[in-house]
Amino acid sequence: MIYVAAGLILGIVAGLNLNILYNPDYIVYISLGILAILNTILNMLYENKTGELTFPKSIAFLLTDLFFALFLGFVGEQLGLPIYLAAVFAFGNNIYKKLRILVNIFLEKFNKNK
């Protein structure tokens, strides 16, 4: 858990201090990639707490999430439709659901220690 928090803090600090320029046409792909990675991180935290975490399964979920989200973004841009919003809503729903479950797990652990 401490490694995840340290990695997130290091990533935020590096992102704020590095001057990386990107083409604004890729903003949909960048946002979908960030959501897919955040979704995978929360899934990994949840699976770690439930004891189901395996490295190949986590990598498979990450690649599947990334591929599907980027595919939806690409198809949506080709058709001129915001199909990528389906991935945004799906990832957002999953992120909130896993976050709620993780908070409940931590609260139960905190209440047992009292």
N, C-alpha and C. Protein backbone atom coordinates (compact mmCIF):
# COMPACT_ATOMS: atom_id res chain seq x y z
N MET A 1 0.82 -1.19 0.00
CA MET A 1 0.00 0.00 0.00
C MET A 1 0.86 1.25 0.00
N ILE A 2 1.96 1.21 0.76
CA ILE A 2 2.83 2.37 0.84
C ILE A 2 3.50 2.62 -0.51
N TYR A 3 3.76 1.56 -1.26
CA TYR A 3 4.39 1.72 -2.57
C TYR A 3 3.43 2.40 -3.56
N VAL A 4 2.17 2.08 -3.46
CA VAL A 4 1.17 2.70 -4.34
C VAL A 4 1.07 4.18 -4.04
N ALA A 5 1.00 4.53 -2.76
CA ALA A 5 0.90 5.94 -2.37
C ALA A 5 2.17 6.70 -2.78
N ALA A 6 3.33 6.09 -2.57
CA ALA A 6 4.58 6.74 -2.96
C ALA A 6 4.65 6.91 -4.48
N GLY A 7 4.20 5.92 -5.21
CA GLY A 7 4.20 6.02 -6.67
C GLY A 7 3.26 7.09 -7.18
N LEU A 8 2.09 7.20 -6.56
CA LEU A 8 1.14 8.24 -6.95
C LEU A 8 1.69 9.63 -6.65
N ILE A 9 2.29 9.80 -5.48
CA ILE A 9 2.86 11.10 -5.13
C ILE A 9 4.01 11.44 -6.06
N LEU A 10 4.88 10.48 -6.32
CA LEU A 10 6.01 10.70 -7.24
C LEU A 10 5.51 11.04 -8.63
N GLY A 11 4.48 10.37 -9.09
CA GLY A 11 3.92 10.64 -10.41
C GLY A 11 3.31 12.02 -10.51
N ILE A 12 2.62 12.44 -9.46
CA ILE A 12 2.02 13.78 -9.47
C ILE A 12 3.10 14.86 -9.45
N VAL A 13 4.12 14.67 -8.62
CA VAL A 13 5.21 15.65 -8.56
C VAL A 13 5.95 15.71 -9.89
N ALA A 14 6.23 14.56 -10.48
CA ALA A 14 6.92 14.54 -11.78
C ALA A 14 6.05 15.17 -12.87
N GLY A 15 4.77 14.90 -12.85
CA GLY A 15 3.88 15.46 -13.86
C GLY A 15 3.76 16.97 -13.77
N LEU A 16 3.81 17.49 -12.56
CA LEU A 16 3.72 18.93 -12.39
C LEU A 16 5.03 19.65 -12.73
N ASN A 17 6.15 18.96 -12.59
CA ASN A 17 7.44 19.60 -12.81
C ASN A 17 8.00 19.39 -14.21
N LEU A 18 7.56 18.37 -14.92
CA LEU A 18 8.05 18.13 -16.27
C LEU A 18 7.24 18.94 -17.27
N ASN A 19 7.92 19.52 -18.22
CA ASN A 19 7.25 20.32 -19.25
C ASN A 19 7.10 19.47 -20.51
N ILE A 20 6.06 18.66 -20.53
CA ILE A 20 5.81 17.76 -21.66
C ILE A 20 4.71 18.36 -22.51
N LEU A 21 4.99 18.54 -23.79
CA LEU A 21 4.00 19.07 -24.72
C LEU A 21 3.37 17.92 -25.49
N TYR A 22 2.09 18.02 -25.75
CA TYR A 22 1.37 17.00 -26.51
C TYR A 22 0.40 17.69 -27.45
N ASN A 23 0.01 16.96 -28.46
CA ASN A 23 -0.94 17.46 -29.43
C ASN A 23 -2.34 17.44 -28.81
N PRO A 24 -3.07 18.54 -28.83
CA PRO A 24 -4.42 18.56 -28.24
C PRO A 24 -5.39 17.58 -28.90
N ASP A 25 -5.07 17.08 -30.08
CA ASP A 25 -5.94 16.10 -30.72
C ASP A 25 -5.97 14.78 -29.95
N TYR A 26 -4.96 14.55 -29.12
CA TYR A 26 -4.85 13.29 -28.40
C TYR A 26 -5.43 13.34 -26.99
N ILE A 27 -6.12 14.42 -26.65
CA ILE A 27 -6.62 14.58 -25.28
C ILE A 27 -7.62 13.49 -24.91
N VAL A 28 -8.41 13.02 -25.86
CA VAL A 28 -9.36 11.94 -25.57
C VAL A 28 -8.60 10.67 -25.20
N TYR A 29 -7.56 10.36 -25.95
CA TYR A 29 -6.79 9.14 -25.70
C TYR A 29 -6.03 9.24 -24.38
N ILE A 30 -5.50 10.41 -24.07
CA ILE A 30 -4.77 10.59 -22.81
C ILE A 30 -5.72 10.43 -21.63
N SER A 31 -6.89 11.04 -21.70
CA SER A 31 -7.84 10.94 -20.59
C SER A 31 -8.35 9.50 -20.42
N LEU A 32 -8.59 8.82 -21.53
CA LEU A 32 -9.02 7.42 -21.43
C LEU A 32 -7.92 6.53 -20.86
N GLY A 33 -6.69 6.80 -21.24
CA GLY A 33 -5.57 6.04 -20.69
C GLY A 33 -5.41 6.26 -19.20
N ILE A 34 -5.55 7.50 -18.75
CA ILE A 34 -5.45 7.80 -17.32
C ILE A 34 -6.57 7.10 -16.55
N LEU A 35 -7.79 7.16 -17.08
CA LEU A 35 -8.91 6.49 -16.41
C LEU A 35 -8.71 4.98 -16.36
N ALA A 36 -8.21 4.39 -17.43
CA ALA A 36 -7.98 2.94 -17.45
C ALA A 36 -6.91 2.55 -16.43
N ILE A 37 -5.86 3.34 -16.32
CA ILE A 37 -4.80 3.03 -15.35
C ILE A 37 -5.31 3.23 -13.93
N LEU A 38 -6.07 4.29 -13.68
CA LEU A 38 -6.63 4.51 -12.35
C LEU A 38 -7.60 3.39 -11.97
N ASN A 39 -8.39 2.95 -12.93
CA ASN A 39 -9.30 1.83 -12.70
C ASN A 39 -8.53 0.57 -12.34
N THR A 40 -7.44 0.31 -13.04
CA THR A 40 -6.64 -0.88 -12.77
C THR A 40 -5.97 -0.79 -11.41
N ILE A 41 -5.49 0.40 -11.03
CA ILE A 41 -4.87 0.57 -9.71
C ILE A 41 -5.87 0.26 -8.60
N LEU A 42 -7.07 0.80 -8.72
CA LEU A 42 -8.08 0.53 -7.69
C LEU A 42 -8.50 -0.94 -7.68
N ASN A 43 -8.58 -1.56 -8.85
CA ASN A 43 -8.86 -2.99 -8.90
C ASN A 43 -7.75 -3.80 -8.23
N MET A 44 -6.51 -3.39 -8.43
CA MET A 44 -5.39 -4.08 -7.80
C MET A 44 -5.42 -3.91 -6.28
N LEU A 45 -5.75 -2.72 -5.79
CA LEU A 45 -5.87 -2.51 -4.35
C LEU A 45 -6.98 -3.37 -3.77
N TYR A 46 -8.11 -3.43 -4.47
CA TYR A 46 -9.22 -4.25 -4.01
C TYR A 46 -8.84 -5.73 -3.99
N GLU A 47 -8.22 -6.20 -5.05
CA GLU A 47 -7.83 -7.61 -5.11
C GLU A 47 -6.75 -7.93 -4.09
N ASN A 48 -5.89 -6.96 -3.77
CA ASN A 48 -4.89 -7.17 -2.74
C ASN A 48 -5.55 -7.35 -1.38
N LYS A 49 -6.59 -6.56 -1.11
CA LYS A 49 -7.29 -6.67 0.17
C LYS A 49 -8.11 -7.95 0.27
N THR A 50 -8.61 -8.44 -0.86
CA THR A 50 -9.41 -9.68 -0.84
C THR A 50 -8.55 -10.92 -1.04
N GLY A 51 -7.27 -10.76 -1.32
CA GLY A 51 -6.36 -11.89 -1.48
C GLY A 51 -6.41 -12.54 -2.85
N GLU A 52 -6.95 -11.87 -3.85
CA GLU A 52 -7.07 -12.44 -5.19
C GLU A 52 -6.07 -11.84 -6.18
N LEU A 53 -5.11 -11.07 -5.72
CA LEU A 53 -4.21 -10.36 -6.60
C LEU A 53 -3.17 -11.29 -7.21
N THR A 54 -3.12 -11.31 -8.52
CA THR A 54 -2.06 -11.99 -9.25
C THR A 54 -1.53 -11.02 -10.31
N PHE A 55 -0.24 -11.09 -10.56
CA PHE A 55 0.36 -10.17 -11.51
C PHE A 55 -0.15 -10.36 -12.93
N PRO A 56 -0.23 -11.60 -13.45
CA PRO A 56 -0.74 -11.76 -14.83
C PRO A 56 -2.18 -11.26 -14.99
N LYS A 57 -3.01 -11.48 -13.98
CA LYS A 57 -4.39 -11.02 -14.05
C LYS A 57 -4.46 -9.49 -14.07
N SER A 58 -3.62 -8.84 -13.28
CA SER A 58 -3.60 -7.38 -13.26
C SER A 58 -3.13 -6.81 -14.58
N ILE A 59 -2.10 -7.39 -15.16
CA ILE A 59 -1.60 -6.93 -16.46
C ILE A 59 -2.65 -7.17 -17.54
N ALA A 60 -3.32 -8.31 -17.48
CA ALA A 60 -4.37 -8.59 -18.47
C ALA A 60 -5.52 -7.59 -18.36
N PHE A 61 -5.92 -7.25 -17.12
CA PHE A 61 -6.97 -6.25 -16.94
C PHE A 61 -6.53 -4.88 -17.44
N LEU A 62 -5.30 -4.51 -17.16
CA LEU A 62 -4.80 -3.20 -17.62
C LEU A 62 -4.80 -3.13 -19.13
N LEU A 63 -4.26 -4.15 -19.78
CA LEU A 63 -4.19 -4.13 -21.24
C LEU A 63 -5.59 -4.18 -21.87
N THR A 64 -6.48 -4.96 -21.28
CA THR A 64 -7.84 -5.04 -21.80
C THR A 64 -8.56 -3.70 -21.66
N ASP A 65 -8.43 -3.09 -20.47
CA ASP A 65 -9.06 -1.78 -20.26
C ASP A 65 -8.50 -0.74 -21.21
N LEU A 66 -7.18 -0.70 -21.36
CA LEU A 66 -6.56 0.27 -22.25
C LEU A 66 -6.99 0.05 -23.70
N PHE A 67 -6.92 -1.19 -24.15
CA PHE A 67 -7.28 -1.48 -25.54
C PHE A 67 -8.73 -1.11 -25.83
N PHE A 68 -9.63 -1.53 -24.94
CA PHE A 68 -11.05 -1.27 -25.19
C PHE A 68 -11.36 0.22 -25.16
N ALA A 69 -10.80 0.94 -24.20
CA ALA A 69 -11.07 2.37 -24.10
C ALA A 69 -10.50 3.12 -25.30
N LEU A 70 -9.27 2.81 -25.68
CA LEU A 70 -8.67 3.49 -26.82
C LEU A 70 -9.37 3.12 -28.12
N PHE A 71 -9.85 1.89 -28.21
CA PHE A 71 -10.62 1.48 -29.38
C PHE A 71 -11.92 2.27 -29.48
N LEU A 72 -12.61 2.42 -28.35
CA LEU A 72 -13.84 3.22 -28.35
C LEU A 72 -13.55 4.67 -28.73
N GLY A 73 -12.45 5.21 -28.22
CA GLY A 73 -12.09 6.58 -28.58
C GLY A 73 -11.79 6.72 -30.05
N PHE A 74 -11.07 5.75 -30.62
CA PHE A 74 -10.73 5.79 -32.04
C PHE A 74 -11.98 5.67 -32.92
N VAL A 75 -12.82 4.70 -32.60
CA VAL A 75 -14.05 4.51 -33.39
C VAL A 75 -14.95 5.73 -33.28
N GLY A 76 -15.04 6.29 -32.10
CA GLY A 76 -15.86 7.48 -31.91
C GLY A 76 -15.37 8.66 -32.72
N GLU A 77 -14.06 8.84 -32.79
CA GLU A 77 -13.53 9.94 -33.59
C GLU A 77 -13.72 9.69 -35.08
N GLN A 78 -13.62 8.45 -35.51
CA GLN A 78 -13.84 8.15 -36.92
C GLN A 78 -15.29 8.37 -37.33
N LEU A 79 -16.20 8.06 -36.43
CA LEU A 79 -17.63 8.23 -36.73
C LEU A 79 -18.14 9.63 -36.40
N GLY A 80 -17.36 10.40 -35.68
CA GLY A 80 -17.81 11.73 -35.29
C GLY A 80 -18.79 11.70 -34.13
N LEU A 81 -18.79 10.61 -33.37
CA LEU A 81 -19.68 10.45 -32.23
C LEU A 81 -18.86 10.32 -30.95
N PRO A 82 -19.36 10.81 -29.83
CA PRO A 82 -18.61 10.67 -28.57
C PRO A 82 -18.82 9.31 -27.91
N ILE A 83 -18.44 8.25 -28.61
CA ILE A 83 -18.60 6.89 -28.08
C ILE A 83 -17.68 6.66 -26.89
N TYR A 84 -16.56 7.40 -26.84
CA TYR A 84 -15.61 7.23 -25.75
C TYR A 84 -16.25 7.52 -24.39
N LEU A 85 -17.36 8.25 -24.38
CA LEU A 85 -18.03 8.54 -23.11
C LEU A 85 -18.55 7.27 -22.44
N ALA A 86 -18.82 6.23 -23.22
CA ALA A 86 -19.23 4.95 -22.62
C ALA A 86 -18.11 4.42 -21.74
N ALA A 87 -16.87 4.51 -22.21
CA ALA A 87 -15.73 4.06 -21.40
C ALA A 87 -15.55 4.96 -20.19
N VAL A 88 -15.73 6.25 -20.37
CA VAL A 88 -15.60 7.19 -19.24
C VAL A 88 -16.62 6.85 -18.16
N PHE A 89 -17.87 6.63 -18.54
CA PHE A 89 -18.90 6.29 -17.56
C PHE A 89 -18.64 4.93 -16.92
N ALA A 90 -18.22 3.96 -17.70
CA ALA A 90 -17.95 2.62 -17.15
C ALA A 90 -16.78 2.66 -16.17
N PHE A 91 -15.69 3.34 -16.55
CA PHE A 91 -14.55 3.44 -15.64
C PHE A 91 -14.92 4.25 -14.41
N GLY A 92 -15.65 5.33 -14.59
CA GLY A 92 -16.05 6.15 -13.45
C GLY A 92 -16.91 5.37 -12.48
N ASN A 93 -17.86 4.61 -12.99
CA ASN A 93 -18.71 3.79 -12.14
C ASN A 93 -17.89 2.76 -11.38
N ASN A 94 -16.98 2.09 -12.08
CA ASN A 94 -16.16 1.07 -11.44
C ASN A 94 -15.22 1.69 -10.41
N ILE A 95 -14.67 2.85 -10.72
CA ILE A 95 -13.76 3.52 -9.78
C ILE A 95 -14.50 3.88 -8.50
N TYR A 96 -15.68 4.48 -8.62
CA TYR A 96 -16.45 4.84 -7.43
C TYR A 96 -16.87 3.61 -6.64
N LYS A 97 -17.25 2.53 -7.33
CA LYS A 97 -17.67 1.31 -6.65
C LYS A 97 -16.51 0.69 -5.87
N LYS A 98 -15.35 0.58 -6.50
CA LYS A 98 -14.19 -0.01 -5.82
C LYS A 98 -13.70 0.89 -4.68
N LEU A 99 -13.77 2.21 -4.90
CA LEU A 99 -13.36 3.12 -3.85
C LEU A 99 -14.26 3.00 -2.63
N ARG A 100 -15.54 2.86 -2.86
CA ARG A 100 -16.49 2.69 -1.76
C ARG A 100 -16.22 1.38 -1.02
N ILE A 101 -15.97 0.32 -1.74
CA ILE A 101 -15.68 -0.97 -1.11
C ILE A 101 -14.39 -0.89 -0.30
N LEU A 102 -13.35 -0.24 -0.86
CA LEU A 102 -12.08 -0.10 -0.13
C LEU A 102 -12.26 0.73 1.13
N VAL A 103 -13.04 1.79 1.07
CA VAL A 103 -13.29 2.60 2.26
C VAL A 103 -14.02 1.77 3.31
N ASN A 104 -15.00 0.97 2.89
CA ASN A 104 -15.70 0.09 3.84
C ASN A 104 -14.75 -0.91 4.47
N ILE A 105 -13.84 -1.48 3.69
CA ILE A 105 -12.86 -2.44 4.23
C ILE A 105 -11.97 -1.76 5.26
N PHE A 106 -11.48 -0.55 4.93
CA PHE A 106 -10.61 0.15 5.87
C PHE A 106 -11.37 0.57 7.13
N LEU A 107 -12.63 0.98 6.98
CA LEU A 107 -13.42 1.35 8.16
C LEU A 107 -13.70 0.15 9.05
N GLU A 108 -13.98 -1.01 8.45
CA GLU A 108 -14.19 -2.22 9.25
C GLU A 108 -12.92 -2.61 9.99
N LYS A 109 -11.79 -2.48 9.31
CA LYS A 109 -10.51 -2.79 9.95
C LYS A 109 -10.23 -1.81 11.09
N PHE A 110 -10.56 -0.53 10.88
CA PHE A 110 -10.35 0.49 11.90
C PHE A 110 -11.26 0.24 13.10
N ASN A 111 -12.51 -0.15 12.86
CA ASN A 111 -13.45 -0.40 13.95
C ASN A 111 -13.07 -1.65 14.74
N LYS A 112 -12.47 -2.65 14.10
CA LYS A 112 -12.04 -3.86 14.80
C LYS A 112 -10.86 -3.57 15.70
N ASN A 113 -10.02 -2.60 15.34
CA ASN A 113 -8.84 -2.27 16.14
C ASN A 113 -9.18 -1.43 17.37
N LYS A 114 -10.37 -0.87 17.41
CA LYS A 114 -10.75 -0.05 18.58
C LYS A 114 -11.04 -0.87 19.79
